[in-house]
């Protein structure tokens, strides 16, 4: 089976206002340009972090080829802190908290009913 020309792309993702967004897509041959674009975006004050993701659509696979040093530092800090420190309050918003793209809130249909006699 022949591979299509756009089977592999490089996506530049930016963390802005607490959500990851796709900034740009580059063809397979433009990996260096995608990484360069990502690094230049790190200097913008409205962007907290950047990552460049290699997507293989044929295999339905993706891998990170570049991520901001600030994102790596945050992940390492969380790994060192362990479960005991995770619940403590911090001075500023956590970068990891901003990377959570989905907040799950149960709709009224999916909430548990109140215990009997406490309606």
N, C-alpha and C. Protein backbone atom coordinates (compact mmCIF):
# COMPACT_ATOMS: atom_id res chain seq x y z
N UNK A 1 0.84 -1.16 0.00
CA UNK A 1 0.00 0.00 0.00
C UNK A 1 0.89 1.23 0.00
N UNK A 2 0.67 2.14 -0.90
CA UNK A 2 1.48 3.35 -1.02
C UNK A 2 1.10 4.36 0.06
N UNK A 3 2.11 5.00 0.58
CA UNK A 3 1.88 6.01 1.62
C UNK A 3 1.50 7.32 0.95
N UNK A 4 0.46 7.98 1.48
CA UNK A 4 0.06 9.26 0.91
C UNK A 4 1.08 10.32 1.29
N UNK A 5 1.12 11.39 0.55
CA UNK A 5 2.13 12.43 0.75
C UNK A 5 1.95 13.14 2.09
N UNK A 6 0.74 13.25 2.59
CA UNK A 6 0.49 13.96 3.84
C UNK A 6 0.27 13.00 5.01
N UNK A 7 0.77 11.76 4.90
CA UNK A 7 0.57 10.79 5.96
C UNK A 7 1.29 11.18 7.24
N UNK A 8 2.40 11.92 7.11
CA UNK A 8 3.15 12.37 8.28
C UNK A 8 3.24 13.89 8.24
N UNK A 9 2.85 14.51 9.36
CA UNK A 9 2.96 15.96 9.47
C UNK A 9 3.58 16.30 10.82
N UNK A 10 4.01 17.54 10.94
CA UNK A 10 4.50 18.07 12.20
C UNK A 10 3.59 19.22 12.60
N UNK A 11 3.00 19.11 13.78
CA UNK A 11 2.09 20.14 14.27
C UNK A 11 2.77 20.93 15.39
N UNK A 12 2.63 22.25 15.32
CA UNK A 12 3.13 23.12 16.37
C UNK A 12 1.94 23.44 17.27
N UNK A 13 2.02 23.00 18.52
CA UNK A 13 0.96 23.24 19.51
C UNK A 13 1.43 24.32 20.47
N UNK A 14 0.54 25.23 20.83
CA UNK A 14 0.86 26.28 21.79
C UNK A 14 -0.11 26.21 22.97
N UNK A 15 0.40 26.50 24.15
CA UNK A 15 -0.42 26.55 25.35
C UNK A 15 -0.76 28.01 25.61
N UNK A 16 -2.01 28.34 25.36
CA UNK A 16 -2.48 29.72 25.48
C UNK A 16 -3.78 29.72 26.26
N UNK A 17 -3.86 30.57 27.27
CA UNK A 17 -5.05 30.68 28.13
C UNK A 17 -5.46 29.33 28.72
N UNK A 18 -4.47 28.52 29.05
CA UNK A 18 -4.75 27.25 29.70
C UNK A 18 -5.18 26.11 28.78
N UNK A 19 -5.15 26.33 27.46
CA UNK A 19 -5.57 25.29 26.52
C UNK A 19 -4.52 25.12 25.43
N UNK A 20 -4.33 23.87 25.03
CA UNK A 20 -3.45 23.59 23.90
C UNK A 20 -4.21 23.86 22.61
N UNK A 21 -3.54 24.56 21.69
CA UNK A 21 -4.12 24.87 20.39
C UNK A 21 -3.10 24.53 19.31
N UNK A 22 -3.58 24.10 18.16
CA UNK A 22 -2.69 23.86 17.03
C UNK A 22 -2.42 25.20 16.36
N UNK A 23 -1.15 25.58 16.33
CA UNK A 23 -0.75 26.84 15.71
C UNK A 23 -0.51 26.65 14.22
N UNK A 24 0.17 25.56 13.83
CA UNK A 24 0.51 25.34 12.42
C UNK A 24 0.78 23.87 12.17
N UNK A 25 0.67 23.47 10.91
CA UNK A 25 1.00 22.12 10.46
C UNK A 25 2.03 22.23 9.34
N UNK A 26 3.02 21.35 9.39
CA UNK A 26 4.08 21.33 8.38
C UNK A 26 4.18 19.93 7.78
N UNK A 27 4.50 19.83 6.49
CA UNK A 27 4.70 18.50 5.89
C UNK A 27 5.94 17.83 6.46
N UNK A 28 6.07 16.56 6.20
CA UNK A 28 7.16 15.75 6.75
C UNK A 28 8.54 16.34 6.45
N UNK A 29 8.72 16.88 5.29
CA UNK A 29 10.03 17.42 4.88
C UNK A 29 10.39 18.72 5.60
N UNK A 30 9.45 19.32 6.34
CA UNK A 30 9.68 20.62 6.98
C UNK A 30 9.78 20.51 8.50
N UNK A 31 10.30 19.40 9.00
CA UNK A 31 10.42 19.21 10.45
C UNK A 31 11.25 20.33 11.08
N UNK A 32 12.40 20.65 10.50
CA UNK A 32 13.28 21.68 11.08
C UNK A 32 12.57 23.02 11.16
N UNK A 33 11.79 23.35 10.15
CA UNK A 33 11.05 24.60 10.15
C UNK A 33 9.98 24.61 11.24
N UNK A 34 9.33 23.46 11.45
CA UNK A 34 8.30 23.36 12.50
C UNK A 34 8.92 23.59 13.88
N UNK A 35 10.09 22.99 14.13
CA UNK A 35 10.76 23.15 15.41
C UNK A 35 11.23 24.60 15.58
N UNK A 36 11.76 25.18 14.52
CA UNK A 36 12.20 26.58 14.56
C UNK A 36 11.02 27.50 14.86
N UNK A 37 9.89 27.26 14.23
CA UNK A 37 8.68 28.04 14.48
C UNK A 37 8.26 27.92 15.94
N UNK A 38 8.27 26.70 16.47
CA UNK A 38 7.91 26.48 17.86
C UNK A 38 8.82 27.23 18.81
N UNK A 39 10.12 27.17 18.57
CA UNK A 39 11.08 27.86 19.44
C UNK A 39 10.87 29.38 19.40
N UNK A 40 10.55 29.91 18.23
CA UNK A 40 10.35 31.36 18.14
C UNK A 40 9.08 31.79 18.86
N UNK A 41 8.08 30.91 18.92
CA UNK A 41 6.83 31.24 19.61
C UNK A 41 6.99 31.30 21.13
N UNK A 42 8.01 30.62 21.65
CA UNK A 42 8.23 30.61 23.10
C UNK A 42 8.49 32.01 23.65
N UNK A 43 8.94 32.92 22.81
CA UNK A 43 9.27 34.28 23.25
C UNK A 43 8.05 35.19 23.37
N UNK A 44 6.90 34.75 22.93
CA UNK A 44 5.69 35.57 23.02
C UNK A 44 5.11 35.48 24.43
N UNK A 45 4.71 36.62 24.96
CA UNK A 45 4.21 36.65 26.34
C UNK A 45 2.86 35.96 26.50
N UNK A 46 2.11 35.81 25.42
CA UNK A 46 0.78 35.19 25.50
C UNK A 46 0.85 33.67 25.43
N UNK A 47 2.02 33.11 25.20
CA UNK A 47 2.17 31.66 25.06
C UNK A 47 2.99 31.13 26.22
N UNK A 48 2.40 30.18 26.98
CA UNK A 48 3.07 29.60 28.15
C UNK A 48 4.06 28.51 27.78
N UNK A 49 3.73 27.72 26.77
CA UNK A 49 4.60 26.61 26.38
C UNK A 49 4.30 26.22 24.93
N UNK A 50 5.25 25.49 24.35
CA UNK A 50 5.13 25.05 22.95
C UNK A 50 5.57 23.60 22.87
N UNK A 51 4.95 22.85 21.99
CA UNK A 51 5.45 21.52 21.66
C UNK A 51 5.22 21.26 20.18
N UNK A 52 6.11 20.48 19.60
CA UNK A 52 5.98 20.08 18.20
C UNK A 52 5.74 18.58 18.21
N UNK A 53 4.66 18.18 17.56
CA UNK A 53 4.21 16.78 17.58
C UNK A 53 4.29 16.20 16.17
N UNK A 54 4.91 15.03 16.05
CA UNK A 54 4.96 14.30 14.78
C UNK A 54 3.75 13.39 14.73
N UNK A 55 2.92 13.56 13.71
CA UNK A 55 1.71 12.75 13.57
C UNK A 55 1.83 11.87 12.34
N UNK A 56 1.62 10.59 12.53
CA UNK A 56 1.61 9.62 11.44
C UNK A 56 0.17 9.14 11.30
N UNK A 57 -0.50 9.62 10.28
CA UNK A 57 -1.92 9.32 10.10
C UNK A 57 -2.17 7.89 9.65
N UNK A 58 -1.21 7.29 8.94
CA UNK A 58 -1.37 5.90 8.51
C UNK A 58 -1.36 4.96 9.72
N UNK A 59 -0.45 5.19 10.62
CA UNK A 59 -0.32 4.34 11.80
C UNK A 59 -1.16 4.83 12.98
N UNK A 60 -1.76 6.00 12.82
CA UNK A 60 -2.52 6.63 13.92
C UNK A 60 -1.65 6.75 15.16
N UNK A 61 -0.48 7.33 14.93
CA UNK A 61 0.53 7.44 15.97
C UNK A 61 1.02 8.88 16.05
N UNK A 62 1.41 9.30 17.23
CA UNK A 62 2.01 10.62 17.38
C UNK A 62 3.08 10.59 18.45
N UNK A 63 4.08 11.46 18.30
CA UNK A 63 5.15 11.57 19.29
C UNK A 63 5.62 13.01 19.34
N UNK A 64 6.06 13.42 20.50
CA UNK A 64 6.55 14.78 20.69
C UNK A 64 8.02 14.83 20.27
N UNK A 65 8.34 15.73 19.35
CA UNK A 65 9.72 15.87 18.90
C UNK A 65 10.41 17.08 19.54
N UNK A 66 9.63 18.01 20.08
CA UNK A 66 10.19 19.16 20.79
C UNK A 66 9.15 19.67 21.78
N UNK A 67 9.62 20.08 22.96
CA UNK A 67 8.74 20.75 23.91
C UNK A 67 9.53 21.82 24.64
N UNK A 68 8.83 22.86 25.06
CA UNK A 68 9.45 23.99 25.74
C UNK A 68 10.20 23.52 26.98
N UNK A 69 11.35 24.14 27.26
CA UNK A 69 12.06 23.81 28.50
C UNK A 69 11.19 24.04 29.73
N UNK A 70 10.35 25.06 29.71
CA UNK A 70 9.48 25.33 30.87
C UNK A 70 8.51 24.18 31.11
N UNK A 71 8.06 23.54 30.06
CA UNK A 71 7.15 22.40 30.19
C UNK A 71 7.90 21.20 30.76
N UNK A 72 9.12 20.97 30.30
CA UNK A 72 9.93 19.87 30.82
C UNK A 72 10.22 20.07 32.31
N UNK A 73 10.60 21.32 32.68
CA UNK A 73 10.89 21.62 34.08
C UNK A 73 9.68 21.36 34.96
N UNK A 74 8.51 21.76 34.50
CA UNK A 74 7.29 21.58 35.28
C UNK A 74 7.01 20.09 35.48
N UNK A 75 7.19 19.28 34.44
CA UNK A 75 6.93 17.85 34.54
C UNK A 75 7.93 17.20 35.49
N UNK A 76 9.20 17.63 35.45
CA UNK A 76 10.20 17.07 36.36
C UNK A 76 9.89 17.45 37.80
N UNK A 77 9.48 18.70 38.04
CA UNK A 77 9.13 19.13 39.39
C UNK A 77 7.98 18.31 39.95
N UNK A 78 7.00 18.02 39.13
CA UNK A 78 5.87 17.23 39.61
C UNK A 78 6.30 15.80 39.91
N UNK A 79 7.21 15.25 39.14
CA UNK A 79 7.70 13.91 39.38
C UNK A 79 8.47 13.82 40.69
N UNK A 80 9.24 14.87 41.01
CA UNK A 80 10.03 14.89 42.25
C UNK A 80 9.14 15.12 43.46
N UNK A 81 8.09 15.90 43.30
CA UNK A 81 7.27 16.27 44.45
C UNK A 81 6.50 15.08 45.01
N UNK A 82 6.14 14.16 44.16
CA UNK A 82 5.42 12.99 44.62
C UNK A 82 4.02 13.32 45.08
N UNK A 83 3.26 12.33 45.51
CA UNK A 83 1.88 12.56 45.90
C UNK A 83 1.73 13.44 47.13
N UNK A 84 2.72 13.46 48.03
CA UNK A 84 2.57 14.22 49.26
C UNK A 84 2.49 15.72 49.01
N UNK A 85 3.19 16.25 48.00
CA UNK A 85 3.21 17.68 47.76
C UNK A 85 2.15 18.14 46.79
N UNK A 86 1.54 17.25 46.07
CA UNK A 86 0.61 17.66 45.02
C UNK A 86 -0.61 18.40 45.55
N UNK A 87 -1.03 18.11 46.74
CA UNK A 87 -2.22 18.75 47.26
C UNK A 87 -1.96 20.12 47.86
N UNK A 88 -0.72 20.52 48.05
CA UNK A 88 -0.41 21.80 48.68
C UNK A 88 -0.65 22.95 47.72
N UNK A 89 -1.03 24.08 48.28
CA UNK A 89 -1.27 25.28 47.48
C UNK A 89 0.06 25.84 47.00
N UNK A 90 0.04 26.42 45.81
CA UNK A 90 1.23 27.05 45.25
C UNK A 90 0.96 28.52 45.04
N UNK A 91 2.02 29.28 44.90
CA UNK A 91 1.90 30.73 44.77
C UNK A 91 1.19 31.14 43.49
N UNK A 92 1.45 30.48 42.39
CA UNK A 92 0.86 30.86 41.12
C UNK A 92 0.17 29.68 40.47
N UNK A 93 -0.45 29.91 39.32
CA UNK A 93 -1.11 28.80 38.64
C UNK A 93 -0.09 27.80 38.13
N UNK A 94 -0.41 26.56 38.29
CA UNK A 94 0.47 25.49 37.85
C UNK A 94 0.39 25.32 36.35
N UNK A 95 1.53 25.15 35.70
CA UNK A 95 1.56 24.92 34.27
C UNK A 95 0.86 23.60 33.95
N UNK A 96 1.03 22.63 34.82
CA UNK A 96 0.38 21.34 34.59
C UNK A 96 -1.13 21.48 34.64
N UNK A 97 -1.63 22.34 35.53
CA UNK A 97 -3.08 22.55 35.61
C UNK A 97 -3.58 23.19 34.32
N UNK A 98 -2.76 24.04 33.72
CA UNK A 98 -3.17 24.68 32.48
C UNK A 98 -3.15 23.71 31.31
N UNK A 99 -2.38 22.64 31.40
CA UNK A 99 -2.30 21.70 30.29
C UNK A 99 -3.50 20.77 30.23
N UNK A 100 -4.27 20.70 31.28
CA UNK A 100 -5.47 19.85 31.26
C UNK A 100 -6.47 20.48 30.30
N UNK A 101 -6.76 19.79 29.23
CA UNK A 101 -7.62 20.38 28.21
C UNK A 101 -9.10 20.15 28.46
N UNK A 102 -9.43 19.16 29.29
CA UNK A 102 -10.84 18.85 29.50
C UNK A 102 -11.13 18.78 30.99
N UNK A 103 -12.13 19.48 31.41
CA UNK A 103 -12.60 19.39 32.79
C UNK A 103 -13.91 18.61 32.76
N UNK A 104 -13.95 17.52 33.47
CA UNK A 104 -15.12 16.66 33.44
C UNK A 104 -16.10 17.09 34.52
N UNK A 105 -17.25 17.52 34.10
CA UNK A 105 -18.32 17.84 35.03
C UNK A 105 -19.53 17.02 34.61
N UNK A 106 -20.04 16.26 35.55
CA UNK A 106 -21.17 15.40 35.22
C UNK A 106 -22.41 16.23 34.93
N UNK A 107 -23.07 15.88 33.87
CA UNK A 107 -24.32 16.55 33.55
C UNK A 107 -25.39 16.06 34.53
N UNK A 108 -26.51 16.78 34.63
CA UNK A 108 -27.55 16.35 35.58
C UNK A 108 -27.98 14.90 35.37
N UNK A 109 -27.95 14.43 34.11
CA UNK A 109 -28.36 13.05 33.85
C UNK A 109 -27.40 12.04 34.45
N UNK A 110 -26.12 12.42 34.61
CA UNK A 110 -25.12 11.46 35.04
C UNK A 110 -24.71 11.58 36.50
N UNK A 111 -25.31 12.48 37.21
CA UNK A 111 -25.01 12.61 38.64
C UNK A 111 -25.72 11.52 39.42
N UNK A 112 -25.14 11.17 40.53
CA UNK A 112 -25.78 10.19 41.39
C UNK A 112 -27.01 10.79 42.05
N UNK A 113 -28.05 10.03 42.19
CA UNK A 113 -29.23 10.55 42.90
C UNK A 113 -28.90 10.71 44.38
N UNK A 114 -29.55 11.64 45.07
CA UNK A 114 -29.31 11.80 46.51
C UNK A 114 -29.77 10.56 47.25
N UNK A 115 -29.18 10.31 48.42
CA UNK A 115 -29.60 9.15 49.21
C UNK A 115 -31.09 9.24 49.55
N UNK A 116 -31.69 8.10 49.74
CA UNK A 116 -33.13 8.05 50.05
C UNK A 116 -33.43 8.87 51.29
N UNK A 117 -34.45 9.69 51.22
CA UNK A 117 -34.86 10.51 52.34
C UNK A 117 -34.11 11.83 52.44
N UNK A 118 -33.20 12.13 51.55
CA UNK A 118 -32.44 13.38 51.60
C UNK A 118 -32.63 14.18 50.31
N UNK A 119 -33.76 14.08 49.73
CA UNK A 119 -34.03 14.79 48.46
C UNK A 119 -34.24 16.19 48.68
